[in-house]
Amino acid sequence: MALRFIGIMPNSPQTDSPTIWLDEETGDLLIQSYKATEDEVRACKEIGSIPGHSSDVPDHETIVRLPAAMLEFIPRPDSEKSE
């Protein structure tokens, strides 16, 4: 696996540091961030996504909260990058 560090939460302490890496082989992002609270997960399930799609979170998935300050580190397709 060829990972590349993308960014870390600005001004984060050493013990509380949301981080993003890019898997250069697949283009996938690996995100370390805050676990969603039970209330947040419940709210996500209530809202759902698309009709007919389960709102359950499978055991092999999770919901994380990504701070807004981290959005700048998420890569965008070239057509969406601001110039």
PDB file of N, CA and C in Angstrom:
ATOM      1  N   MET A   1       0.857  -1.171   0.000  1.00  0.00           N
ATOM      2  CA  MET A   1       0.000   0.000   0.000  1.00  0.00           C
ATOM      3  C   MET A   1       0.904   1.236   0.000  1.00  0.00           C
ATOM      4  N   ALA A   2       0.653   2.138  -0.915  1.00  0.00           N
ATOM      5  CA  ALA A   2       1.440   3.375  -1.009  1.00  0.00           C
ATOM      6  C   ALA A   2       0.613   4.534  -0.470  1.00  0.00           C
ATOM      7  N   LEU A   3       0.822   4.877   0.800  1.00  0.00           N
ATOM      8  CA  LEU A   3       0.076   5.975   1.412  1.00  0.00           C
ATOM      9  C   LEU A   3       0.878   7.258   1.361  1.00  0.00           C
ATOM     10  N   ARG A   4       0.150   8.364   1.196  1.00  0.00           N
ATOM     11  CA  ARG A   4       0.762   9.688   1.241  1.00  0.00           C
ATOM     12  C   ARG A   4       0.003  10.529   2.254  1.00  0.00           C
ATOM     13  N   PHE A   5       0.727  11.137   3.166  1.00  0.00           N
ATOM     14  CA  PHE A   5       0.130  12.047   4.145  1.00  0.00           C
ATOM     15  C   PHE A   5      -0.431  13.255   3.403  1.00  0.00           C
ATOM     16  N   ILE A   6      -1.698  13.613   3.702  1.00  0.00           N
ATOM     17  CA  ILE A   6      -2.345  14.753   3.055  1.00  0.00           C
ATOM     18  C   ILE A   6      -2.423  15.946   4.000  1.00  0.00           C
ATOM     19  N   GLY A   7      -2.891  15.727   5.219  1.00  0.00           N
ATOM     20  CA  GLY A   7      -2.999  16.853   6.139  1.00  0.00           C
ATOM     21  C   GLY A   7      -3.434  16.423   7.522  1.00  0.00           C
ATOM     22  N   ILE A   8      -3.187  17.321   8.475  1.00  0.00           N
ATOM     23  CA  ILE A   8      -3.568  17.101   9.864  1.00  0.00           C
ATOM     24  C   ILE A   8      -4.323  18.336  10.343  1.00  0.00           C
ATOM     25  N   MET A   9      -5.221  18.153  11.278  1.00  0.00           N
ATOM     26  CA  MET A   9      -6.021  19.252  11.817  1.00  0.00           C
ATOM     27  C   MET A   9      -5.087  20.372  12.272  1.00  0.00           C
ATOM     28  N   PRO A  10      -5.263  21.565  11.714  1.00  0.00           N
ATOM     29  CA  PRO A  10      -4.402  22.680  12.102  1.00  0.00           C
ATOM     30  C   PRO A  10      -4.470  22.929  13.615  1.00  0.00           C
ATOM     31  N   ASN A  11      -3.326  23.192  14.204  1.00  0.00           N
ATOM     32  CA  ASN A  11      -3.206  23.519  15.625  1.00  0.00           C
ATOM     33  C   ASN A  11      -3.711  22.415  16.554  1.00  0.00           C
ATOM     34  N   SER A  12      -3.687  21.171  16.092  1.00  0.00           N
ATOM     35  CA  SER A  12      -4.175  20.092  16.949  1.00  0.00           C
ATOM     36  C   SER A  12      -3.081  19.675  17.929  1.00  0.00           C
ATOM     37  N   PRO A  13      -3.500  19.288  19.142  1.00  0.00           N
ATOM     38  CA  PRO A  13      -2.509  18.787  20.099  1.00  0.00           C
ATOM     39  C   PRO A  13      -2.018  17.412  19.656  1.00  0.00           C
ATOM     40  N   GLN A  14      -0.929  16.959  20.231  1.00  0.00           N
ATOM     41  CA  GLN A  14      -0.348  15.675  19.826  1.00  0.00           C
ATOM     42  C   GLN A  14      -1.255  14.492  20.113  1.00  0.00           C
ATOM     43  N   THR A  15      -2.177  14.623  21.045  1.00  0.00           N
ATOM     44  CA  THR A  15      -3.026  13.491  21.408  1.00  0.00           C
ATOM     45  C   THR A  15      -4.422  13.565  20.796  1.00  0.00           C
ATOM     46  N   ASP A  16      -4.688  14.548  19.983  1.00  0.00           N
ATOM     47  CA  ASP A  16      -6.026  14.752  19.424  1.00  0.00           C
ATOM     48  C   ASP A  16      -5.857  15.339  18.035  1.00  0.00           C
ATOM     49  N   SER A  17      -5.577  14.458  17.056  1.00  0.00           N
ATOM     50  CA  SER A  17      -5.131  14.988  15.780  1.00  0.00           C
ATOM     51  C   SER A  17      -5.766  14.309  14.577  1.00  0.00           C
ATOM     52  N   PRO A  18      -6.975  14.739  14.166  1.00  0.00           N
ATOM     53  CA  PRO A  18      -7.554  14.203  12.937  1.00  0.00           C
ATOM     54  C   PRO A  18      -6.567  14.341  11.768  1.00  0.00           C
ATOM     55  N   THR A  19      -6.452  13.274  10.973  1.00  0.00           N
ATOM     56  CA  THR A  19      -5.440  13.205   9.927  1.00  0.00           C
ATOM     57  C   THR A  19      -6.036  12.545   8.686  1.00  0.00           C
ATOM     58  N   ILE A  20      -5.534  12.928   7.521  1.00  0.00           N
ATOM     59  CA  ILE A  20      -5.984  12.328   6.261  1.00  0.00           C
ATOM     60  C   ILE A  20      -4.765  11.840   5.474  1.00  0.00           C
ATOM     61  N   TRP A  21      -4.872  10.609   4.944  1.00  0.00           N
ATOM     62  CA  TRP A  21      -3.866  10.039   4.060  1.00  0.00           C
ATOM     63  C   TRP A  21      -4.540   9.641   2.747  1.00  0.00           C
ATOM     64  N   LEU A  22      -3.790   9.597   1.675  1.00  0.00           N
ATOM     65  CA  LEU A  22      -4.271   9.173   0.362  1.00  0.00           C
ATOM     66  C   LEU A  22      -3.599   7.864  -0.013  1.00  0.00           C
ATOM     67  N   ASP A  23      -4.402   6.867  -0.390  1.00  0.00           N
ATOM     68  CA  ASP A  23      -3.864   5.625  -0.937  1.00  0.00           C
ATOM     69  C   ASP A  23      -3.591   5.919  -2.406  1.00  0.00           C
ATOM     70  N   GLU A  24      -2.338   6.042  -2.757  1.00  0.00           N
ATOM     71  CA  GLU A  24      -1.970   6.448  -4.118  1.00  0.00           C
ATOM     72  C   GLU A  24      -2.278   5.386  -5.163  1.00  0.00           C
ATOM     73  N   GLU A  25      -2.501   4.149  -4.740  1.00  0.00           N
ATOM     74  CA  GLU A  25      -2.837   3.090  -5.693  1.00  0.00           C
ATOM     75  C   GLU A  25      -4.314   3.110  -6.065  1.00  0.00           C
ATOM     76  N   THR A  26      -5.183   3.444  -5.106  1.00  0.00           N
ATOM     77  CA  THR A  26      -6.625   3.392  -5.357  1.00  0.00           C
ATOM     78  C   THR A  26      -7.292   4.763  -5.394  1.00  0.00           C
ATOM     79  N   GLY A  27      -6.627   5.772  -4.844  1.00  0.00           N
ATOM     80  CA  GLY A  27      -7.237   7.093  -4.737  1.00  0.00           C
ATOM     81  C   GLY A  27      -8.132   7.228  -3.511  1.00  0.00           C
ATOM     82  N   ASP A  28      -8.245   6.169  -2.710  1.00  0.00           N
ATOM     83  CA  ASP A  28      -9.063   6.206  -1.502  1.00  0.00           C
ATOM     84  C   ASP A  28      -8.414   7.086  -0.446  1.00  0.00           C
ATOM     85  N   LEU A  29      -9.256   7.657   0.412  1.00  0.00           N
ATOM     86  CA  LEU A  29      -8.769   8.428   1.550  1.00  0.00           C
ATOM     87  C   LEU A  29      -8.873   7.590   2.808  1.00  0.00           C
ATOM     88  N   LEU A  30      -7.890   7.663   3.658  1.00  0.00           N
ATOM     89  CA  LEU A  30      -7.941   7.065   4.991  1.00  0.00           C
ATOM     90  C   LEU A  30      -8.013   8.231   5.956  1.00  0.00           C
ATOM     91  N   ILE A  31      -9.028   8.218   6.804  1.00  0.00           N
ATOM     92  CA  ILE A  31      -9.301   9.358   7.665  1.00  0.00           C
ATOM     93  C   ILE A  31      -9.310   8.927   9.125  1.00  0.00           C
ATOM     94  N   GLN A  32      -8.479   9.581   9.907  1.00  0.00           N
ATOM     95  CA  GLN A  32      -8.516   9.439  11.363  1.00  0.00           C
ATOM     96  C   GLN A  32      -9.237  10.671  11.876  1.00  0.00           C
ATOM     97  N   SER A  33     -10.326  10.466  12.575  1.00  0.00           N
ATOM     98  CA  SER A  33     -11.074  11.612  13.092  1.00  0.00           C
ATOM     99  C   SER A  33     -11.885  11.176  14.298  1.00  0.00           C
ATOM    100  N   TYR A  34     -12.760  12.044  14.731  1.00  0.00           N
ATOM    101  CA  TYR A  34     -13.558  11.792  15.914  1.00  0.00           C
ATOM    102  C   TYR A  34     -14.671  10.790  15.613  1.00  0.00           C
ATOM    103  N   LYS A  35     -14.907   9.855  16.533  1.00  0.00           N
ATOM    104  CA  LYS A  35     -16.032   8.939  16.398  1.00  0.00           C
ATOM    105  C   LYS A  35     -17.316   9.746  16.548  1.00  0.00           C
ATOM    106  N   ALA A  36     -18.274   9.441  15.708  1.00  0.00           N
ATOM    107  CA  ALA A  36     -19.584  10.064  15.863  1.00  0.00           C
ATOM    108  C   ALA A  36     -20.203   9.567  17.170  1.00  0.00           C
ATOM    109  N   THR A  37     -20.907  10.449  17.848  1.00  0.00           N
ATOM    110  CA  THR A  37     -21.579  10.055  19.081  1.00  0.00           C
ATOM    111  C   THR A  37     -22.790   9.196  18.750  1.00  0.00           C
ATOM    112  N   GLU A  38     -23.334   8.530  19.764  1.00  0.00           N
ATOM    113  CA  GLU A  38     -24.543   7.726  19.539  1.00  0.00           C
ATOM    114  C   GLU A  38     -25.682   8.609  19.015  1.00  0.00           C
ATOM    115  N   ASP A  39     -25.806   9.824  19.527  1.00  0.00           N
ATOM    116  CA  ASP A  39     -26.850  10.742  19.048  1.00  0.00           C
ATOM    117  C   ASP A  39     -26.629  11.111  17.580  1.00  0.00           C
ATOM    118  N   GLU A  40     -25.377  11.331  17.191  1.00  0.00           N
ATOM    119  CA  GLU A  40     -25.081  11.675  15.797  1.00  0.00           C
ATOM    120  C   GLU A  40     -25.380  10.507  14.870  1.00  0.00           C
ATOM    121  N   VAL A  41     -25.003   9.303  15.278  1.00  0.00           N
ATOM    122  CA  VAL A  41     -25.289   8.110  14.471  1.00  0.00           C
ATOM    123  C   VAL A  41     -26.796   7.925  14.347  1.00  0.00           C
ATOM    124  N   ARG A  42     -27.514   8.087  15.451  1.00  0.00           N
ATOM    125  CA  ARG A  42     -28.970   7.952  15.425  1.00  0.00           C
ATOM    126  C   ARG A  42     -29.586   8.976  14.454  1.00  0.00           C
ATOM    127  N   ALA A  43     -29.089  10.216  14.491  1.00  0.00           N
ATOM    128  CA  ALA A  43     -29.603  11.252  13.587  1.00  0.00           C
ATOM    129  C   ALA A  43     -29.313  10.897  12.128  1.00  0.00           C
ATOM    130  N   CYS A  44     -28.128  10.372  11.854  1.00  0.00           N
ATOM    131  CA  CYS A  44     -27.797   9.961  10.482  1.00  0.00           C
ATOM    132  C   CYS A  44     -28.740   8.863  10.005  1.00  0.00           C
ATOM    133  N   LYS A  45     -29.020   7.907  10.897  1.00  0.00           N
ATOM    134  CA  LYS A  45     -29.923   6.817  10.537  1.00  0.00           C
ATOM    135  C   LYS A  45     -31.332   7.336  10.279  1.00  0.00           C
ATOM    136  N   GLU A  46     -31.789   8.298  11.081  1.00  0.00           N
ATOM    137  CA  GLU A  46     -33.129   8.863  10.898  1.00  0.00           C
ATOM    138  C   GLU A  46     -33.247   9.596   9.566  1.00  0.00           C
ATOM    139  N   ILE A  47     -32.219  10.338   9.200  1.00  0.00           N
ATOM    140  CA  ILE A  47     -32.244  11.090   7.941  1.00  0.00           C
ATOM    141  C   ILE A  47     -32.086  10.147   6.757  1.00  0.00           C
ATOM    142  N   GLY A  48     -31.219   9.130   6.896  1.00  0.00           N
ATOM    143  CA  GLY A  48     -30.998   8.179   5.809  1.00  0.00           C
ATOM    144  C   GLY A  48     -30.247   8.807   4.650  1.00  0.00           C
ATOM    145  N   SER A  49     -30.324   8.174   3.502  1.00  0.00           N
ATOM    146  CA  SER A  49     -29.627   8.695   2.327  1.00  0.00           C
ATOM    147  C   SER A  49     -30.554   8.689   1.124  1.00  0.00           C
ATOM    148  N   ILE A  50     -30.671   7.573   0.437  1.00  0.00           N
ATOM    149  CA  ILE A  50     -31.552   7.519  -0.728  1.00  0.00           C
ATOM    150  C   ILE A  50     -32.683   6.528  -0.442  1.00  0.00           C
ATOM    151  N   PRO A  51     -33.847   6.738  -1.034  1.00  0.00           N
ATOM    152  CA  PRO A  51     -34.975   5.827  -0.786  1.00  0.00           C
ATOM    153  C   PRO A  51     -34.598   4.377  -1.085  1.00  0.00           C
ATOM    154  N   GLY A  52     -34.993   3.488  -0.178  1.00  0.00           N
ATOM    155  CA  GLY A  52     -34.745   2.064  -0.369  1.00  0.00           C
ATOM    156  C   GLY A  52     -33.380   1.594   0.085  1.00  0.00           C
ATOM    157  N   HIS A  53     -32.518   2.509   0.480  1.00  0.00           N
ATOM    158  CA  HIS A  53     -31.168   2.138   0.926  1.00  0.00           C
ATOM    159  C   HIS A  53     -31.161   2.050   2.441  1.00  0.00           C
ATOM    160  N   SER A  54     -30.595   0.989   2.968  1.00  0.00           N
ATOM    161  CA  SER A  54     -30.566   0.789   4.416  1.00  0.00           C
ATOM    162  C   SER A  54     -29.841   1.927   5.114  1.00  0.00           C
ATOM    163  N   SER A  55     -30.331   2.312   6.281  1.00  0.00           N
ATOM    164  CA  SER A  55     -29.640   3.327   7.068  1.00  0.00           C
ATOM    165  C   SER A  55     -28.829   2.701   8.199  1.00  0.00           C
ATOM    166  N   ASP A  56     -28.779   1.359   8.211  1.00  0.00           N
ATOM    167  CA  ASP A  56     -27.955   0.676   9.206  1.00  0.00           C
ATOM    168  C   ASP A  56     -26.478   0.882   8.873  1.00  0.00           C
ATOM    169  N   VAL A  57     -25.636   0.886   9.887  1.00  0.00           N
ATOM    170  CA  VAL A  57     -24.192   0.986   9.692  1.00  0.00           C
ATOM    171  C   VAL A  57     -23.615  -0.405   9.925  1.00  0.00           C
ATOM    172  N   PRO A  58     -23.139  -1.064   8.860  1.00  0.00           N
ATOM    173  CA  PRO A  58     -22.603  -2.418   9.009  1.00  0.00           C
ATOM    174  C   PRO A  58     -21.404  -2.440   9.957  1.00  0.00           C
ATOM    175  N   ASP A  59     -21.118  -3.593  10.515  1.00  0.00           N
ATOM    176  CA  ASP A  59     -20.006  -3.743  11.450  1.00  0.00           C
ATOM    177  C   ASP A  59     -18.668  -3.341  10.840  1.00  0.00           C
ATOM    178  N   HIS A  60     -18.521  -3.465   9.523  1.00  0.00           N
ATOM    179  CA  HIS A  60     -17.241  -3.135   8.892  1.00  0.00           C
ATOM    180  C   HIS A  60     -17.161  -1.658   8.470  1.00  0.00           C
ATOM    181  N   GLU A  61     -18.160  -0.847   8.837  1.00  0.00           N
ATOM    182  CA  GLU A  61     -18.162   0.580   8.539  1.00  0.00           C
ATOM    183  C   GLU A  61     -18.364   1.370   9.830  1.00  0.00           C
ATOM    184  N   THR A  62     -18.112   2.656   9.765  1.00  0.00           N
ATOM    185  CA  THR A  62     -18.353   3.529  10.904  1.00  0.00           C
ATOM    186  C   THR A  62     -18.681   4.930  10.395  1.00  0.00           C
ATOM    187  N   ILE A  63     -19.189   5.764  11.264  1.00  0.00           N
ATOM    188  CA  ILE A  63     -19.440   7.160  10.928  1.00  0.00           C
ATOM    189  C   ILE A  63     -18.455   7.987  11.733  1.00  0.00           C
ATOM    190  N   VAL A  64     -17.703   8.846  11.056  1.00  0.00           N
ATOM    191  CA  VAL A  64     -16.759   9.728  11.741  1.00  0.00           C
ATOM    192  C   VAL A  64     -17.177  11.171  11.512  1.00  0.00           C
ATOM    193  N   ARG A  65     -16.792  12.024  12.437  1.00  0.00           N
ATOM    194  CA  ARG A  65     -17.038  13.459  12.295  1.00  0.00           C
ATOM    195  C   ARG A  65     -15.726  14.096  11.831  1.00  0.00           C
ATOM    196  N   LEU A  66     -15.755  14.716  10.658  1.00  0.00           N
ATOM    197  CA  LEU A  66     -14.580  15.392  10.111  1.00  0.00           C
ATOM    198  C   LEU A  66     -14.727  16.891  10.347  1.00  0.00           C
ATOM    199  N   PRO A  67     -13.843  17.511  11.129  1.00  0.00           N
ATOM    200  CA  PRO A  67     -13.956  18.940  11.379  1.00  0.00           C
ATOM    201  C   PRO A  67     -13.891  19.747  10.077  1.00  0.00           C
ATOM    202  N   ALA A  68     -14.654  20.817  10.013  1.00  0.00           N
ATOM    203  CA  ALA A  68     -14.689  21.665   8.818  1.00  0.00           C
ATOM    204  C   ALA A  68     -13.297  22.138   8.425  1.00  0.00           C
ATOM    205  N   ALA A  69     -12.433  22.359   9.406  1.00  0.00           N
ATOM    206  CA  ALA A  69     -11.070  22.818   9.115  1.00  0.00           C
ATOM    207  C   ALA A  69     -10.276  21.797   8.310  1.00  0.00           C
ATOM    208  N   MET A  70     -10.738  20.547   8.263  1.00  0.00           N
ATOM    209  CA  MET A  70     -10.038  19.503   7.524  1.00  0.00           C
ATOM    210  C   MET A  70     -10.470  19.414   6.062  1.00  0.00           C
ATOM    211  N   LEU A  71     -11.561  20.072   5.698  1.00  0.00           N
ATOM    212  CA  LEU A  71     -12.072  19.967   4.327  1.00  0.00           C
ATOM    213  C   LEU A  71     -11.055  20.421   3.295  1.00  0.00           C
ATOM    214  N   GLU A  72     -10.208  21.371   3.647  1.00  0.00           N
ATOM    215  CA  GLU A  72      -9.207  21.863   2.698  1.00  0.00           C
ATOM    216  C   GLU A  72      -8.235  20.771   2.257  1.00  0.00           C
ATOM    217  N   PHE A  73      -8.121  19.694   3.037  1.00  0.00           N
ATOM    218  CA  PHE A  73      -7.179  18.632   2.712  1.00  0.00           C
ATOM    219  C   PHE A  73      -7.775  17.541   1.824  1.00  0.00           C
ATOM    220  N   ILE A  74      -9.075  17.573   1.587  1.00  0.00           N
ATOM    221  CA  ILE A  74      -9.700  16.538   0.769  1.00  0.00           C
ATOM    222  C   ILE A  74      -9.442  16.851  -0.705  1.00  0.00           C
ATOM    223  N   PRO A  75      -8.757  15.944  -1.399  1.00  0.00           N
ATOM    224  CA  PRO A  75      -8.462  16.178  -2.819  1.00  0.00           C
ATOM    225  C   PRO A  75      -9.740  16.271  -3.645  1.00  0.00           C
ATOM    226  N   ARG A  76      -9.746  17.141  -4.621  1.00  0.00           N
ATOM    227  CA  ARG A  76     -10.876  17.325  -5.529  1.00  0.00           C
ATOM    228  C   ARG A  76     -10.434  16.957  -6.951  1.00  0.00           C
ATOM    229  N   PRO A  77     -11.369  16.465  -7.752  1.00  0.00           N
ATOM    230  CA  PRO A  77     -11.027  16.259  -9.167  1.00  0.00           C
ATOM    231  C   PRO A  77     -10.563  17.588  -9.764  1.00  0.00           C
ATOM    232  N   ASP A  78      -9.670  17.511 -10.717  1.00  0.00           N
ATOM    233  CA  ASP A  78      -9.103  18.732 -11.316  1.00  0.00           C
ATOM    234  C   ASP A  78     -10.161  19.738 -11.734  1.00  0.00           C
ATOM    235  N   SER A  79     -11.306  19.258 -12.222  1.00  0.00           N
ATOM    236  CA  SER A  79     -12.351  20.166 -12.709  1.00  0.00           C
ATOM    237  C   SER A  79     -13.003  20.950 -11.581  1.00  0.00           C
ATOM    238  N   GLU A  80     -12.862  20.487 -10.332  1.00  0.00           N
ATOM    239  CA  GLU A  80     -13.496  21.170  -9.206  1.00  0.00           C
ATOM    240  C   GLU A  80     -12.533  22.065  -8.432  1.00  0.00           C
ATOM    241  N   LYS A  81     -11.259  22.025  -8.760  1.00  0.00           N
ATOM    242  CA  LYS A  81     -10.291  22.845  -8.036  1.00  0.00           C
ATOM    243  C   LYS A  81     -10.447  24.307  -8.437  1.00  0.00           C
ATOM    244  N   SER A  82     -10.379  25.163  -7.441  1.00  0.00           N
ATOM    245  CA  SER A  82     -10.452  26.587  -7.743  1.00  0.00           C
ATOM    246  C   SER A  82      -9.093  27.054  -8.248  1.00  0.00           C
ATOM    247  N   GLU A  83      -9.127  28.018  -9.097  1.00  0.00           N
ATOM    248  CA  GLU A  83      -7.871  28.498  -9.702  1.00  0.00           C
ATOM    249  C   GLU A  83      -7.479  29.813  -9.109  1.00  0.00           C
TER     250      GLU A  83
END
